[in-house]
Amino acid sequence: MKNFDHLRRYFDKAVHTDNHITDMIVAPDSLSARIAEKLGFKAIFAAGYATSASNLAMPDRGIADFSIMLNKCREIINAVDIPVFADADTGYGDLDNIRRTVRNYEAIGAAGIFLEDQKWPKRCGHMSGKSVEAPHVLAEKIKTAVSERKNNNFLIMSRTDARAVNGLDDAIRRSRQYLAAGADLVFIEAPQNIEELKEIAAAFPDTPLMANMIEGGATPMLTSEELCSLGFSIVVHPTALTYAHTFATEQLLSNLKETGTTAGQEDKMITFDRFNNFIGLDEVNRREQQYAPEKMKKMLQDLNIKKESC
């Protein structure tokens, strides 16, 4: 059984370590999360953009509801042995819903969640047309979330989308209010240049900050090292795998439709044996043999013999 308290402590320590950045990929599914773990990523993010695309083939416009988001996060947590942080959107309702959201995400083993101040239906932070609640709305949600969690290492991040709506100054003011309400981490979505990233870092010198690197988004694409040098503790890549999967699938299927075969496309695929090895077929086969009926029958007979001899 996984030790979720240990994973939460590990994540908490990582994001609070000076001159260190936690690099997280958003996984659209369990297989992607397992690949990321195998390649050395130390934490995974479960988020709405990828979930809306992979589960519903729909945009991140508040269509993926609480149950879809929670189940996706649960699936990813079950697939890996590293911390998984979760996008909990606006918390899915009033303060009673915030309590439910915190209880459920903590129960499935998430390392924490972020809560945002968009009005519902929310949308991807780099899409136009957003609107935000008055800051006291998210402040109350954060207070409720902090009071509801059972483990202080279950981290609560505030997210504001006010930069695109009211400007950076308002986004910073709001984030200070959310921090005062009890947020452990701060995320100001969609700063538009490096100077704004620097201004955010200067405003919160003692608080772990997150940056979002979206290909084609509003924020300039920087490396993890560059963001760390600016003062950020977390970098997330929300769209990379979704875009890569879509591109690769489109390319292969286009060729298949044209030629009627995947012959000649093997260089774009993993092999049969390597894939089965990666997803643990050998281990499943080993367990099947270990608990085969013949072996279990003999084990039970041996136990009965020992019991009778006593």
Protein backbone atom coordinates (compact mmCIF):
# COMPACT_ATOMS: atom_id res chain seq x y z
CA MET A 1 0.00 0.00 0.00
CA LYS A 2 1.28 3.47 -0.90
CA ASN A 3 2.37 5.78 1.89
CA PHE A 4 0.60 8.99 0.88
CA ASP A 5 1.84 10.84 3.94
CA HIS A 6 5.41 10.11 2.86
CA LEU A 7 4.69 11.34 -0.69
CA ARG A 8 3.11 14.52 0.65
CA ARG A 9 6.07 15.21 2.93
CA TYR A 10 8.43 14.66 0.00
CA PHE A 11 6.49 17.10 -2.21
CA ASP A 12 6.18 19.66 0.58
CA LYS A 13 9.93 19.56 1.19
CA ALA A 14 10.73 19.75 -2.53
CA VAL A 15 8.67 22.88 -3.20
CA HIS A 16 10.07 24.60 -0.09
CA THR A 17 13.72 23.88 -0.94
CA ASP A 18 15.70 26.99 -1.89
CA ASN A 19 17.27 27.16 -5.35
CA HIS A 20 15.31 24.11 -6.46
CA ILE A 21 12.40 23.79 -8.88
CA THR A 22 9.93 20.94 -9.08
CA ASP A 23 9.27 20.17 -12.75
CA MET A 24 5.82 18.66 -13.32
CA ILE A 25 4.25 17.38 -16.51
CA VAL A 26 0.48 17.28 -16.79
CA ALA A 27 -0.44 13.68 -17.59
CA PRO A 28 -3.55 13.15 -19.75
CA ASP A 29 -3.78 9.55 -18.53
CA SER A 30 -2.17 6.86 -16.39
CA LEU A 31 0.15 5.62 -19.14
CA SER A 32 1.60 9.11 -19.67
CA ALA A 33 2.12 9.46 -15.92
CA ARG A 34 3.94 6.12 -15.77
CA ILE A 35 6.21 7.13 -18.66
CA ALA A 36 7.02 10.43 -16.93
CA GLU A 37 7.86 8.61 -13.71
CA LYS A 38 10.10 6.12 -15.54
CA LEU A 39 11.97 8.99 -17.20
CA GLY A 40 12.74 10.61 -13.87
CA PHE A 41 10.02 13.19 -13.22
CA LYS A 42 9.53 13.51 -9.46
CA ALA A 43 5.89 14.66 -9.46
CA ILE A 44 2.85 14.67 -11.75
CA PHE A 45 0.09 17.22 -12.25
CA ALA A 46 -3.51 16.17 -12.99
CA ALA A 47 -5.24 19.10 -14.71
CA GLY A 48 -8.37 20.19 -16.50
CA TYR A 49 -7.10 21.01 -19.99
CA ALA A 50 -5.67 17.52 -20.52
CA THR A 51 -8.56 15.78 -18.78
CA SER A 52 -11.18 17.61 -20.85
CA ALA A 53 -9.34 16.60 -24.00
CA SER A 54 -8.56 12.98 -23.11
CA ASN A 55 -11.86 12.09 -21.42
CA LEU A 56 -14.34 14.19 -23.38
CA ALA A 57 -12.53 15.41 -26.53
CA MET A 58 -13.75 18.86 -25.49
CA PRO A 59 -12.08 22.17 -24.56
CA ASP A 60 -11.20 23.30 -21.05
CA ARG A 61 -14.36 25.34 -20.52
CA GLY A 62 -15.68 23.97 -17.24
CA ILE A 63 -17.21 20.91 -18.91
CA ALA A 64 -15.18 18.33 -17.00
CA ASP A 65 -17.02 18.18 -13.68
CA PHE A 66 -15.95 17.18 -10.18
CA SER A 67 -16.41 13.44 -10.68
CA ILE A 68 -14.47 13.35 -13.96
CA MET A 69 -11.59 15.36 -12.52
CA LEU A 70 -11.46 13.33 -9.30
CA ASN A 71 -11.56 9.98 -11.09
CA LYS A 72 -8.82 11.02 -13.50
CA CYS A 73 -6.63 12.07 -10.60
CA ARG A 74 -7.33 8.79 -8.79
CA GLU A 75 -6.35 6.76 -11.85
CA ILE A 76 -3.05 8.63 -12.18
CA ILE A 77 -2.28 8.30 -8.46
CA ASN A 78 -2.88 4.55 -8.69
CA ALA A 79 -0.48 4.26 -11.63
CA VAL A 80 2.61 5.92 -10.12
CA ASP A 81 4.66 6.05 -6.95
CA ILE A 82 5.43 9.77 -7.01
CA PRO A 83 3.35 12.72 -5.74
CA VAL A 84 0.38 13.87 -7.83
CA PHE A 85 -0.87 17.44 -7.47
CA ALA A 86 -4.38 18.25 -8.67
CA ASP A 87 -6.28 21.00 -10.43
CA ALA A 88 -9.53 21.41 -8.46
CA ASP A 89 -10.84 24.31 -10.56
CA THR A 90 -13.03 26.60 -8.43
CA GLY A 91 -13.81 23.84 -5.94
CA TYR A 92 -17.10 22.97 -7.70
CA GLY A 93 -19.51 25.09 -5.73
CA ASP A 94 -20.07 26.70 -2.34
CA LEU A 95 -18.14 26.13 0.86
CA ASP A 96 -19.78 22.77 1.51
CA ASN A 97 -18.55 21.68 -1.92
CA ILE A 98 -15.07 22.96 -1.04
CA ARG A 99 -15.12 20.68 2.01
CA ARG A 100 -16.18 17.75 -0.15
CA THR A 101 -13.48 18.52 -2.71
CA VAL A 102 -10.73 18.66 -0.10
CA ARG A 103 -11.91 15.49 1.65
CA ASN A 104 -12.05 13.52 -1.58
CA TYR A 105 -8.75 14.64 -3.06
CA GLU A 106 -6.98 14.07 0.23
CA ALA A 107 -8.60 10.63 0.56
CA ILE A 108 -7.37 9.44 -2.86
CA GLY A 109 -3.81 10.44 -1.99
CA ALA A 110 -3.25 13.71 -3.86
CA ALA A 111 -0.32 15.85 -2.69
CA GLY A 112 -2.53 18.92 -2.78
CA ILE A 113 -4.87 20.98 -4.94
CA PHE A 114 -5.15 24.44 -6.38
CA LEU A 115 -8.31 26.53 -6.16
CA GLU A 116 -8.94 29.44 -8.52
CA ASP A 117 -10.91 32.67 -8.58
CA GLN A 118 -12.56 32.43 -12.00
CA LYS A 119 -16.30 32.65 -12.36
CA TRP A 120 -17.97 29.46 -13.54
CA PRO A 121 -17.87 28.17 -16.20
CA LYS A 122 -14.13 28.58 -15.93
CA ARG A 123 -11.73 28.15 -18.83
CA CYS A 124 -8.07 27.57 -19.57
CA GLY A 125 -6.08 30.44 -18.11
CA HIS A 126 -4.61 31.35 -21.50
CA MET A 127 -8.01 31.61 -23.25
CA SER A 128 -9.75 34.93 -23.74
CA GLY A 129 -13.08 35.88 -22.21
CA LYS A 130 -12.35 35.04 -18.58
CA SER A 131 -13.97 36.74 -15.61
CA VAL A 132 -13.06 36.58 -11.93
CA GLU A 133 -14.96 36.60 -8.65
CA ALA A 134 -14.44 39.24 -5.98
CA PRO A 135 -11.29 38.23 -4.06
CA HIS A 136 -13.15 37.47 -0.82
CA VAL A 137 -14.85 34.52 -2.56
CA LEU A 138 -11.63 32.54 -3.07
CA ALA A 139 -10.23 33.76 0.26
CA GLU A 140 -13.17 32.12 2.05
CA LYS A 141 -12.75 28.96 -0.01
CA ILE A 142 -9.07 28.75 0.94
CA LYS A 143 -9.86 29.26 4.63
CA THR A 144 -12.41 26.46 4.37
CA ALA A 145 -10.02 24.17 2.51
CA VAL A 146 -7.24 24.69 5.05
CA SER A 147 -9.59 24.01 7.97
CA GLU A 148 -10.98 20.88 6.30
CA ARG A 149 -7.73 19.11 5.43
CA LYS A 150 -6.55 16.45 7.84
CA ASN A 151 -2.88 16.61 6.87
CA ASN A 152 -0.97 19.89 6.85
CA ASN A 153 1.23 18.46 4.10
CA PHE A 154 -1.82 18.35 1.82
CA LEU A 155 -0.93 21.67 0.20
CA ILE A 156 -3.42 24.31 -0.91
CA MET A 157 -2.40 26.55 -3.79
CA SER A 158 -4.21 29.74 -4.73
CA ARG A 159 -4.62 30.51 -8.41
CA THR A 160 -5.72 33.85 -9.74
CA ASP A 161 -6.67 34.64 -13.33
CA ALA A 162 -6.94 38.35 -12.59
CA ARG A 163 -3.84 39.25 -14.63
CA ALA A 164 -5.76 38.93 -17.90
CA VAL A 165 -8.85 40.66 -16.52
CA ASN A 166 -7.65 43.47 -14.23
CA GLY A 167 -3.87 43.57 -14.65
CA LEU A 168 -0.88 42.29 -12.72
CA ASP A 169 -1.21 44.64 -9.74
CA ASP A 170 -4.65 43.27 -8.94
CA ALA A 171 -3.43 39.69 -9.40
CA ILE A 172 -0.66 40.31 -6.86
CA ARG A 173 -3.04 42.01 -4.40
CA ARG A 174 -5.44 39.10 -4.64
CA SER A 175 -2.69 36.55 -4.17
CA ARG A 176 -1.52 38.32 -1.01
CA GLN A 177 -5.10 38.10 0.29
CA TYR A 178 -5.24 34.40 -0.57
CA LEU A 179 -1.89 33.84 1.13
CA ALA A 180 -3.20 35.58 4.25
CA ALA A 181 -6.25 33.27 4.11
CA GLY A 182 -3.95 30.27 4.47
CA ALA A 183 -2.72 29.28 0.99
CA ASP A 184 0.58 27.40 1.07
CA LEU A 185 1.52 28.09 -2.56
CA VAL A 186 0.76 30.89 -5.03
CA PHE A 187 0.00 30.73 -8.74
CA ILE A 188 -0.61 33.85 -10.82
CA GLU A 189 -1.78 32.65 -14.21
CA ALA A 190 -0.60 34.02 -17.56
CA PRO A 191 2.02 36.71 -16.84
CA GLN A 192 2.90 38.18 -20.22
CA ASN A 193 6.65 38.76 -20.11
CA ILE A 194 9.79 38.11 -18.09
CA GLU A 195 9.47 41.41 -16.25
CA GLU A 196 6.07 40.34 -14.93
CA LEU A 197 7.52 37.01 -13.81
CA LYS A 198 10.23 38.92 -11.95
CA GLU A 199 7.63 41.21 -10.36
CA ILE A 200 5.65 38.21 -9.12
CA ALA A 201 8.76 36.62 -7.64
CA ALA A 202 9.71 39.88 -5.92
CA ALA A 203 6.22 40.18 -4.41
CA PHE A 204 6.41 36.73 -2.78
CA PRO A 205 10.05 36.13 -1.80
CA ASP A 206 9.21 33.55 0.90
CA THR A 207 6.36 31.69 -0.81
CA PRO A 208 6.66 28.82 -3.30
CA LEU A 209 5.44 30.06 -6.69
CA MET A 210 4.23 28.15 -9.72
CA ALA A 211 4.67 29.02 -13.39
CA ASN A 212 2.70 27.54 -16.29
CA MET A 213 4.54 26.87 -19.57
CA ILE A 214 1.94 26.55 -22.35
CA GLU A 215 3.14 26.24 -25.93
CA GLY A 216 1.59 29.19 -27.78
CA GLY A 217 0.27 30.69 -24.53
CA ALA A 218 0.56 34.17 -23.07
CA THR A 219 3.65 33.52 -20.95
CA PRO A 220 7.12 33.35 -22.54
CA MET A 221 8.56 29.84 -22.70
CA LEU A 222 11.46 29.57 -20.26
CA THR A 223 13.48 26.58 -19.12
CA SER A 224 13.12 25.15 -15.65
CA GLU A 225 16.53 26.53 -14.75
CA GLU A 226 15.59 30.02 -15.92
CA LEU A 227 12.38 29.98 -13.88
CA CYS A 228 14.27 28.72 -10.84
CA SER A 229 16.74 31.57 -11.18
CA LEU A 230 13.81 34.02 -11.22
CA GLY A 231 12.54 32.61 -7.92
CA PHE A 232 9.89 30.06 -8.95
CA SER A 233 9.61 26.72 -7.12
CA ILE A 234 7.27 24.83 -9.47
CA VAL A 235 6.96 24.68 -13.24
CA VAL A 236 4.10 22.86 -14.94
CA HIS A 237 3.78 21.82 -18.58
CA PRO A 238 -0.03 21.51 -19.02
CA THR A 239 -0.37 20.96 -22.77
CA ALA A 240 2.83 19.33 -24.04
CA LEU A 241 1.67 15.71 -23.89
CA THR A 242 -1.84 16.49 -25.13
CA TYR A 243 -0.44 18.30 -28.16
CA ALA A 244 2.20 15.64 -28.79
CA HIS A 245 -0.36 12.81 -28.57
CA THR A 246 -2.73 14.61 -30.93
CA PHE A 247 -0.02 15.33 -33.47
CA ALA A 248 1.41 11.80 -33.44
CA THR A 249 -2.05 10.22 -33.67
CA GLU A 250 -3.07 12.47 -36.54
CA GLN A 251 0.13 11.72 -38.44
CA LEU A 252 -0.12 7.95 -38.06
CA LEU A 253 -3.83 7.72 -38.82
CA SER A 254 -3.48 9.96 -41.84
CA ASN A 255 -0.84 7.60 -43.24
CA LEU A 256 -2.93 4.54 -42.36
CA LYS A 257 -5.99 6.00 -44.10
CA GLU A 258 -3.93 6.72 -47.20
CA THR A 259 -1.98 3.46 -47.42
CA GLY A 260 -4.22 0.95 -45.64
CA THR A 261 -1.35 -0.34 -43.47
CA THR A 262 0.93 0.74 -40.64
CA ALA A 263 3.88 -1.04 -42.29
CA GLY A 264 6.66 1.47 -42.63
CA GLN A 265 5.49 3.41 -39.57
CA GLU A 266 7.22 1.21 -36.99
CA ASP A 267 9.93 3.81 -36.44
CA LYS A 268 7.21 6.04 -34.96
CA MET A 269 6.04 3.37 -32.50
CA ILE A 270 7.32 1.43 -29.53
CA THR A 271 7.74 -2.29 -30.22
CA PHE A 272 5.35 -5.01 -29.02
CA ASP A 273 7.85 -6.56 -26.60
CA ARG A 274 9.17 -3.28 -25.26
CA PHE A 275 5.65 -1.95 -24.61
CA ASN A 276 4.53 -5.10 -22.80
CA ASN A 277 7.68 -5.01 -20.70
CA PHE A 278 7.12 -1.34 -19.89
CA ILE A 279 3.56 -1.81 -18.64
CA GLY A 280 4.55 -4.77 -16.48
CA LEU A 281 3.36 -7.86 -18.32
CA ASP A 282 6.20 -9.97 -16.91
CA GLU A 283 5.23 -9.00 -13.36
CA VAL A 284 1.56 -9.84 -13.98
CA ASN A 285 2.55 -13.21 -15.45
CA ARG A 286 4.82 -13.88 -12.46
CA ARG A 287 1.97 -13.22 -10.01
CA GLU A 288 -0.35 -15.41 -12.02
CA GLN A 289 2.10 -18.28 -11.75
CA GLN A 290 2.73 -17.60 -8.06
CA TYR A 291 -0.98 -17.89 -7.24
CA ALA A 292 -1.92 -20.51 -9.82
CA PRO A 293 -4.65 -22.93 -8.59
CA GLU A 294 -2.24 -25.88 -8.45
CA LYS A 295 0.22 -23.99 -6.25
CA MET A 296 -2.53 -22.59 -4.03
CA LYS A 297 -4.03 -26.05 -3.63
CA LYS A 298 -0.70 -27.45 -2.49
CA MET A 299 -0.16 -24.53 -0.12
CA LEU A 300 -3.58 -25.08 1.47
CA GLN A 301 -2.88 -28.82 1.82
CA ASP A 302 0.43 -28.05 3.54
CA LEU A 303 -1.33 -25.67 5.92
CA ASN A 304 -3.93 -28.29 6.79
CA ILE A 305 -1.20 -30.85 7.47
CA LYS A 306 0.55 -28.44 9.83
CA LYS A 307 -2.71 -27.61 11.56
CA GLU A 308 -3.54 -31.31 12.08
CA SER A 309 -0.05 -32.01 13.44
CA CYS A 310 -0.58 -29.33 16.07
